[in-house]
C-alpha atoms as a PDB file:
ATOM      1  CA  MET A   1       0.000   0.000   0.000  1.00  0.00           C
ATOM      2  CA  PRO A   2       1.491   3.410  -0.943  1.00  0.00           C
ATOM      3  CA  PRO A   3       2.163   5.870   1.874  1.00  0.00           C
ATOM      4  CA  LEU A   4      -0.713   8.101   2.891  1.00  0.00           C
ATOM      5  CA  VAL A   5      -0.255  11.818   3.374  1.00  0.00           C
ATOM      6  CA  SER A   6      -0.899  12.794   6.980  1.00  0.00           C
ATOM      7  CA  PRO A   7      -3.636  15.432   7.402  1.00  0.00           C
ATOM      8  CA  ALA A   8      -3.120  18.595   9.404  1.00  0.00           C
ATOM      9  CA  GLY A   9      -2.705  18.239  13.118  1.00  0.00           C
ATOM     10  CA  GLY A  10      -0.106  15.474  13.019  1.00  0.00           C
ATOM     11  CA  VAL A  11       3.383  14.979  11.722  1.00  0.00           C
ATOM     12  CA  PRO A  12       4.021  15.384   7.978  1.00  0.00           C
ATOM     13  CA  GLU A  13       4.447  12.251   5.938  1.00  0.00           C
ATOM     14  CA  PRO A  14       7.929  10.948   6.711  1.00  0.00           C
ATOM     15  CA  GLU A  15      10.376  11.213   3.885  1.00  0.00           C
ATOM     16  CA  GLY A  16      12.458   8.324   2.617  1.00  0.00           C
ATOM     17  CA  PRO A  17      16.246   8.347   2.413  1.00  0.00           C
ATOM     18  CA  VAL A  18      17.747  10.738  -0.106  1.00  0.00           C
ATOM     19  CA  SER A  19      20.381   9.256  -2.379  1.00  0.00           C
ATOM     20  CA  SER A  20      23.592  11.004  -3.315  1.00  0.00           C
ATOM     21  CA  PRO A  21      26.584   9.802  -5.330  1.00  0.00           C
ATOM     22  CA  ALA A  22      28.450   8.981  -2.125  1.00  0.00           C
ATOM     23  CA  SER A  23      25.527   7.608  -0.172  1.00  0.00           C
ATOM     24  CA  PRO A  24      25.075   3.914   0.767  1.00  0.00           C
ATOM     25  CA  THR A  25      21.927   3.851  -1.351  1.00  0.00           C
ATOM     26  CA  ALA A  26      23.892   4.841  -4.426  1.00  0.00           C
ATOM     27  CA  ARG A  27      26.314   1.984  -3.775  1.00  0.00           C
ATOM     28  CA  GLY A  28      23.486  -0.538  -3.783  1.00  0.00           C
ATOM     29  CA  LYS A  29      22.749  -0.566  -0.067  1.00  0.00           C
ATOM     30  CA  VAL A  30      19.373   0.509   1.301  1.00  0.00           C
ATOM     31  CA  ALA A  31      19.638   3.193   3.979  1.00  0.00           C
ATOM     32  CA  ARG A  32      17.761   2.414   7.172  1.00  0.00           C
ATOM     33  CA  PRO A  33      14.609   4.572   7.465  1.00  0.00           C
ATOM     34  CA  GLY A  34      14.336   6.997  10.368  1.00  0.00           C
ATOM     35  CA  PRO A  35      12.334   6.214  13.518  1.00  0.00           C
ATOM     36  CA  VAL A  36       9.322   8.309  12.483  1.00  0.00           C
ATOM     37  CA  ARG A  37       9.204   6.590   9.101  1.00  0.00           C
ATOM     38  CA  ARG A  38       9.335   3.206  10.812  1.00  0.00           C
ATOM     39  CA  LEU A  39       6.472   4.187  13.147  1.00  0.00           C
ATOM     40  CA  TYR A  40       4.507   5.458  10.149  1.00  0.00           C
ATOM     41  CA  ASP A  41       4.978   2.189   8.264  1.00  0.00           C
ATOM     42  CA  TRP A  42       4.170   0.177  11.398  1.00  0.00           C
ATOM     43  CA  THR A  43       0.934   2.141  11.833  1.00  0.00           C
ATOM     44  CA  LEU A  44      -0.096   1.501   8.229  1.00  0.00           C
ATOM     45  CA  SER A  45       0.758  -2.188   8.514  1.00  0.00           C
ATOM     46  CA  TRP A  46      -2.245  -2.676  10.813  1.00  0.00           C
ATOM     47  CA  ALA A  47      -4.604  -1.979   7.910  1.00  0.00           C
ATOM     48  CA  ASP A  48      -3.896  -5.490   6.586  1.00  0.00           C
ATOM     49  CA  ARG A  49      -3.952  -7.294   9.932  1.00  0.00           C
ATOM     50  CA  PRO A  50      -6.876  -8.801  11.875  1.00  0.00           C
ATOM     51  CA  GLY A  51      -6.334  -6.507  14.864  1.00  0.00           C
ATOM     52  CA  GLY A  52      -6.551  -3.324  12.798  1.00  0.00           C
ATOM     53  CA  PRO A  53      -9.539  -1.772  14.639  1.00  0.00           C
ATOM     54  CA  TRP A  54      -7.941  -2.483  18.020  1.00  0.00           C
ATOM     55  CA  ALA A  55      -4.695  -0.942  16.835  1.00  0.00           C
ATOM     56  CA  LEU A  56      -6.656   2.087  15.652  1.00  0.00           C
ATOM     57  CA  PHE A  57      -8.106   2.516  19.143  1.00  0.00           C
ATOM     58  CA  VAL A  58      -4.702   2.214  20.824  1.00  0.00           C
ATOM     59  CA  ILE A  59      -2.997   4.562  18.349  1.00  0.00           C
ATOM     60  CA  SER A  60      -5.803   7.118  18.678  1.00  0.00           C
ATOM     61  CA  PHE A  61      -5.460   6.950  22.472  1.00  0.00           C
ATOM     62  CA  ALA A  62      -1.673   7.265  22.423  1.00  0.00           C
ATOM     63  CA  GLU A  63      -1.569  10.052  19.824  1.00  0.00           C
ATOM     64  CA  SER A  64      -3.544  12.306  22.153  1.00  0.00           C
ATOM     65  CA  SER A  65      -0.667  12.470  24.618  1.00  0.00           C
ATOM     66  CA  PHE A  66       2.639  11.263  23.130  1.00  0.00           C
ATOM     67  CA  PHE A  67       2.523   9.102  19.952  1.00  0.00           C
ATOM     68  CA  PRO A  68       3.716  11.037  16.851  1.00  0.00           C
ATOM     69  CA  ILE A  69       1.603   9.422  14.097  1.00  0.00           C
ATOM     70  CA  PRO A  70      -2.004  10.704  13.796  1.00  0.00           C
ATOM     71  CA  PRO A  71      -4.754   8.047  13.538  1.00  0.00           C
ATOM     72  CA  ASP A  72      -6.026   9.528  10.270  1.00  0.00           C
ATOM     73  CA  VAL A  73      -3.515   7.512   8.275  1.00  0.00           C
ATOM     74  CA  LEU A  74      -4.855   4.225   9.654  1.00  0.00           C
ATOM     75  CA  ILE A  75      -8.490   5.363   9.383  1.00  0.00           C
ATOM     76  CA  MET A  76      -7.938   6.052   5.691  1.00  0.00           C
ATOM     77  CA  ALA A  77      -6.162   2.770   5.077  1.00  0.00           C
ATOM     78  CA  LEU A  78      -8.798   0.720   6.923  1.00  0.00           C
ATOM     79  CA  ALA A  79     -11.674   2.583   5.294  1.00  0.00           C
ATOM     80  CA  MET A  80     -10.272   2.132   1.795  1.00  0.00           C
ATOM     81  CA  GLY A  81     -10.058  -1.608   2.425  1.00  0.00           C
ATOM     82  CA  ARG A  82     -13.551  -1.793   3.934  1.00  0.00           C
ATOM     83  CA  PRO A  83     -15.514   1.342   2.928  1.00  0.00           C
ATOM     84  CA  LYS A  84     -18.780   0.115   4.483  1.00  0.00           C
ATOM     85  CA  ARG A  85     -17.092   0.118   7.899  1.00  0.00           C
ATOM     86  CA  ALA A  86     -15.525   3.554   7.471  1.00  0.00           C
ATOM     87  CA  LEU A  87     -17.853   5.295   9.930  1.00  0.00           C
ATOM     88  CA  ARG A  88     -17.265   2.534  12.471  1.00  0.00           C
ATOM     89  CA  PHE A  89     -13.525   3.152  12.220  1.00  0.00           C
ATOM     90  CA  ALA A  90     -14.130   6.863  12.764  1.00  0.00           C
ATOM     91  CA  ALA A  91     -16.163   6.081  15.899  1.00  0.00           C
ATOM     92  CA  ILE A  92     -13.390   3.843  17.242  1.00  0.00           C
ATOM     93  CA  ALA A  93     -10.801   6.562  16.637  1.00  0.00           C
ATOM     94  CA  THR A  94     -13.010   9.177  18.292  1.00  0.00           C
ATOM     95  CA  VAL A  95     -13.500   7.153  21.472  1.00  0.00           C
ATOM     96  CA  GLY A  96      -9.802   6.294  21.673  1.00  0.00           C
ATOM     97  CA  SER A  97      -8.740   9.877  20.998  1.00  0.00           C
ATOM     98  CA  VAL A  98     -11.085  11.405  23.584  1.00  0.00           C
ATOM     99  CA  LEU A  99     -10.023   8.913  26.263  1.00  0.00           C
ATOM    100  CA  GLY A 100      -6.411   9.567  25.342  1.00  0.00           C
ATOM    101  CA  GLY A 101      -7.125  13.273  25.575  1.00  0.00           C
ATOM    102  CA  VAL A 102      -8.323  12.794  29.151  1.00  0.00           C
ATOM    103  CA  ALA A 103      -5.079  10.939  29.881  1.00  0.00           C
ATOM    104  CA  GLY A 104      -3.139  13.846  28.376  1.00  0.00           C
ATOM    105  CA  TYR A 105      -5.191  16.244  30.501  1.00  0.00           C
ATOM    106  CA  PHE A 106      -4.257  14.360  33.688  1.00  0.00           C
ATOM    107  CA  ILE A 107      -0.604  14.289  32.617  1.00  0.00           C
ATOM    108  CA  GLY A 108      -0.693  18.065  32.253  1.00  0.00           C
ATOM    109  CA  HIS A 109      -2.584  18.572  35.508  1.00  0.00           C
ATOM    110  CA  PHE A 110      -0.800  16.149  37.842  1.00  0.00           C
ATOM    111  CA  LEU A 111       2.456  15.144  36.133  1.00  0.00           C
ATOM    112  CA  PHE A 112       3.430  18.149  34.061  1.00  0.00           C
ATOM    113  CA  GLU A 113       7.035  18.459  35.260  1.00  0.00           C
ATOM    114  CA  GLN A 114       7.657  14.700  35.297  1.00  0.00           C
ATOM    115  CA  ILE A 115       5.990  13.726  31.983  1.00  0.00           C
ATOM    116  CA  GLY A 116       4.186  16.631  30.316  1.00  0.00           C
ATOM    117  CA  ARG A 117       7.122  18.996  29.946  1.00  0.00           C
ATOM    118  CA  PRO A 118       9.485  16.287  28.566  1.00  0.00           C
ATOM    119  CA  ILE A 119       6.862  15.398  25.925  1.00  0.00           C
ATOM    120  CA  LEU A 120       6.536  19.039  24.885  1.00  0.00           C
ATOM    121  CA  GLU A 121      10.310  19.458  24.787  1.00  0.00           C
ATOM    122  CA  PHE A 122      10.649  16.296  22.682  1.00  0.00           C
ATOM    123  CA  TYR A 123       8.323  17.830  20.076  1.00  0.00           C
ATOM    124  CA  GLY A 124       9.839  21.312  20.420  1.00  0.00           C
ATOM    125  CA  ALA A 125       6.417  22.641  21.408  1.00  0.00           C
ATOM    126  CA  GLY A 126       7.289  24.882  24.358  1.00  0.00           C
ATOM    127  CA  ALA A 127       6.292  28.137  22.654  1.00  0.00           C
ATOM    128  CA  THR A 128       3.230  26.494  21.144  1.00  0.00           C
ATOM    129  CA  PHE A 129       2.186  25.338  24.612  1.00  0.00           C
ATOM    130  CA  ASP A 130       2.213  28.939  25.848  1.00  0.00           C
ATOM    131  CA  HIS A 131       0.185  30.017  22.812  1.00  0.00           C
ATOM    132  CA  VAL A 132      -2.406  27.285  23.440  1.00  0.00           C
ATOM    133  CA  GLY A 133      -2.670  28.442  27.047  1.00  0.00           C
ATOM    134  CA  GLU A 134      -3.504  31.926  25.797  1.00  0.00           C
ATOM    135  CA  LEU A 135      -6.132  30.483  23.443  1.00  0.00           C
ATOM    136  CA  TYR A 136      -7.736  28.693  26.396  1.00  0.00           C
ATOM    137  CA  ARG A 137      -7.866  31.933  28.358  1.00  0.00           C
ATOM    138  CA  GLN A 138      -9.540  33.719  25.442  1.00  0.00           C
ATOM    139  CA  ASN A 139     -12.170  31.129  24.556  1.00  0.00           C
ATOM    140  CA  LEU A 140     -12.122  27.541  25.781  1.00  0.00           C
ATOM    141  CA  VAL A 141     -14.766  26.270  23.356  1.00  0.00           C
ATOM    142  CA  VAL A 142     -13.240  27.761  20.220  1.00  0.00           C
ATOM    143  CA  ALA A 143      -9.723  26.685  21.235  1.00  0.00           C
ATOM    144  CA  LEU A 144     -10.749  23.067  21.800  1.00  0.00           C
ATOM    145  CA  GLY A 145     -13.289  23.016  18.988  1.00  0.00           C
ATOM    146  CA  THR A 146     -10.655  23.876  16.435  1.00  0.00           C
ATOM    147  CA  ALA A 147      -7.871  21.827  18.060  1.00  0.00           C
ATOM    148  CA  GLY A 148      -8.417  18.828  15.799  1.00  0.00           C
ATOM    149  CA  PHE A 149      -8.043  20.936  12.667  1.00  0.00           C
ATOM    150  CA  THR A 150      -4.944  22.999  13.366  1.00  0.00           C
ATOM    151  CA  PRO A 151      -1.319  22.137  12.536  1.00  0.00           C
ATOM    152  CA  VAL A 152      -0.659  22.088  16.290  1.00  0.00           C
ATOM    153  CA  PRO A 153      -0.490  18.462  17.519  1.00  0.00           C
ATOM    154  CA  TYR A 154      -3.570  17.553  19.573  1.00  0.00           C
ATOM    155  CA  LYS A 155      -1.331  16.333  22.411  1.00  0.00           C
ATOM    156  CA  VAL A 156      -0.266  19.937  23.048  1.00  0.00           C
ATOM    157  CA  PHE A 157      -3.916  20.903  23.586  1.00  0.00           C
ATOM    158  CA  THR A 158      -4.581  17.995  25.937  1.00  0.00           C
ATOM    159  CA  ILE A 159      -1.496  18.523  28.097  1.00  0.00           C
ATOM    160  CA  ALA A 160      -2.103  22.271  28.144  1.00  0.00           C
ATOM    161  CA  GLY A 161      -5.730  21.674  29.116  1.00  0.00           C
ATOM    162  CA  GLY A 162      -4.614  20.001  32.324  1.00  0.00           C
ATOM    163  CA  ALA A 163      -1.697  22.329  32.983  1.00  0.00           C
ATOM    164  CA  PHE A 164      -3.900  25.419  32.671  1.00  0.00           C
ATOM    165  CA  ALA A 165      -6.692  23.816  34.729  1.00  0.00           C
ATOM    166  CA  VAL A 166      -9.333  23.904  31.988  1.00  0.00           C
ATOM    167  CA  PRO A 167     -12.685  22.610  33.352  1.00  0.00           C
ATOM    168  CA  LEU A 168     -12.690  18.867  32.689  1.00  0.00           C
ATOM    169  CA  LEU A 169     -16.309  18.311  31.585  1.00  0.00           C
ATOM    170  CA  PRO A 170     -16.310  21.022  28.884  1.00  0.00           C
ATOM    171  CA  PHE A 171     -12.878  19.745  27.835  1.00  0.00           C
ATOM    172  CA  ILE A 172     -14.283  16.246  27.263  1.00  0.00           C
ATOM    173  CA  ILE A 173     -17.453  17.402  25.502  1.00  0.00           C
ATOM    174  CA  VAL A 174     -15.815  19.835  23.093  1.00  0.00           C
ATOM    175  CA  SER A 175     -12.926  17.437  22.437  1.00  0.00           C
ATOM    176  CA  ALA A 176     -15.414  14.721  21.494  1.00  0.00           C
ATOM    177  CA  VAL A 177     -17.198  17.027  19.048  1.00  0.00           C
ATOM    178  CA  SER A 178     -13.965  18.265  17.490  1.00  0.00           C
ATOM    179  CA  ARG A 179     -12.307  14.877  17.113  1.00  0.00           C
ATOM    180  CA  ALA A 180     -15.477  13.232  15.830  1.00  0.00           C
ATOM    181  CA  ALA A 181     -15.879  15.979  13.230  1.00  0.00           C
ATOM    182  CA  ARG A 182     -12.356  15.410  11.970  1.00  0.00           C
ATOM    183  CA  PHE A 183     -12.429  11.612  11.858  1.00  0.00           C
ATOM    184  CA  PHE A 184     -15.963  11.296  10.490  1.00  0.00           C
ATOM    185  CA  MET A 185     -15.178  13.845   7.782  1.00  0.00           C
ATOM    186  CA  VAL A 186     -12.251  11.725   6.549  1.00  0.00           C
ATOM    187  CA  ALA A 187     -14.069   8.394   6.929  1.00  0.00           C
ATOM    188  CA  GLY A 188     -17.324   9.744   5.496  1.00  0.00           C
ATOM    189  CA  LEU A 189     -15.663  10.963   2.318  1.00  0.00           C
ATOM    190  CA  ILE A 190     -14.124   7.529   1.759  1.00  0.00           C
ATOM    191  CA  ARG A 191     -17.371   5.761   2.709  1.00  0.00           C
ATOM    192  CA  TYR A 192     -19.485   7.658   0.206  1.00  0.00           C
ATOM    193  CA  PHE A 193     -17.011   8.345  -2.597  1.00  0.00           C
ATOM    194  CA  GLY A 194     -14.703   5.335  -2.374  1.00  0.00           C
ATOM    195  CA  PRO A 195     -10.896   5.092  -2.390  1.00  0.00           C
ATOM    196  CA  SER A 196     -10.665   7.553  -5.304  1.00  0.00           C
ATOM    197  CA  ILE A 197     -11.387  10.397  -2.865  1.00  0.00           C
ATOM    198  CA  LYS A 198      -8.050   9.800  -1.087  1.00  0.00           C
ATOM    199  CA  THR A 199      -6.187  12.126  -3.461  1.00  0.00           C
ATOM    200  CA  PHE A 200      -8.759  14.850  -2.813  1.00  0.00           C
ATOM    201  CA  ILE A 201      -8.372  14.454   0.973  1.00  0.00           C
ATOM    202  CA  ASP A 202      -4.580  14.522   0.720  1.00  0.00           C
ATOM    203  CA  ARG A 203      -4.646  17.668  -1.385  1.00  0.00           C
ATOM    204  CA  TYR A 204      -7.481  19.649   0.188  1.00  0.00           C
ATOM    205  CA  PHE A 205      -7.607  18.556   3.836  1.00  0.00           C
ATOM    206  CA  ASN A 206      -6.240  21.907   5.013  1.00  0.00           C
ATOM    207  CA  LEU A 207      -8.899  23.738   3.003  1.00  0.00           C
ATOM    208  CA  LEU A 208     -11.641  21.500   4.414  1.00  0.00           C
ATOM    209  CA  SER A 209     -10.278  22.196   7.884  1.00  0.00           C
ATOM    210  CA  ILE A 210     -10.424  25.960   7.342  1.00  0.00           C
ATOM    211  CA  VAL A 211     -14.023  25.732   6.124  1.00  0.00           C
ATOM    212  CA  PHE A 212     -14.965  23.655   9.156  1.00  0.00           C
ATOM    213  CA  VAL A 213     -13.313  26.107  11.566  1.00  0.00           C
ATOM    214  CA  VAL A 214     -15.068  29.075   9.932  1.00  0.00           C
ATOM    215  CA  LEU A 215     -18.434  27.316  10.186  1.00  0.00           C
ATOM    216  CA  LEU A 216     -17.738  26.304  13.789  1.00  0.00           C
ATOM    217  CA  VAL A 217     -16.751  29.782  14.933  1.00  0.00           C
ATOM    218  CA  GLY A 218     -19.681  31.267  12.997  1.00  0.00           C
ATOM    219  CA  GLY A 219     -22.030  28.817  14.700  1.00  0.00           C
ATOM    220  CA  PHE A 220     -20.755  29.807  18.134  1.00  0.00           C
ATOM    221  CA  ALA A 221     -21.248  33.471  17.237  1.00  0.00           C
ATOM    222  CA  VAL A 222     -24.853  32.853  16.161  1.00  0.00           C
ATOM    223  CA  VAL A 223     -25.637  30.890  19.335  1.00  0.00           C
ATOM    224  CA  LYS A 224     -24.119  33.632  21.481  1.00  0.00           C
ATOM    225  CA  LEU A 225     -26.141  36.257  19.621  1.00  0.00           C
ATOM    226  CA  PHE A 226     -29.437  34.453  20.251  1.00  0.00           C
ATOM    227  CA  LEU A 227     -28.586  33.874  23.901  1.00  0.00           C
ATOM    228  CA  LYS A 228     -28.232  37.599  24.576  1.00  0.00           C
END
């Protein structure tokens, strides 16, 4: 199966080794892929294995706090193999991601110095963490609602949610809506248009994300207007 392009909110698709005249590849030896590439390939390998849905749940859970590969790549691979189950895969990813988000929240709230900060430093997300904290202070719902559609890894939002003492119940509710919207959008397109839509998702996911965010923020504005 060819590599899938990772949508926004996760790591970019890992690149393969680049050959040069003096490189081992040029001399007939295959360079060993980097660790992210190996994790990416390992994630995709579950699409052809019996435990694929379980792996999707575990990866979705782990990605919300520390794992670098977003579950979208496995959702797409599973859905293209079994389009009629695409929405089921999206539901599995949503549940796993939200539960993982709660775990990330508790890491940020209770174990920030021991675990949360090292995770952020590993991803070079210290400045981004501060920015997310400011977003939470400005508008919790909009910050979390758009978290699944920004280039910022979701794990930064979950750890920051705990570190900045965001109310837990709204955190869970809005996270569930945001993550479900993302995963069901990807799975739904494959379910109703088939594997041929993959190229469209790869190319226009960022545009779809922007449209969703605009509609979401506009919806919040309308609700707030009617509640006055």
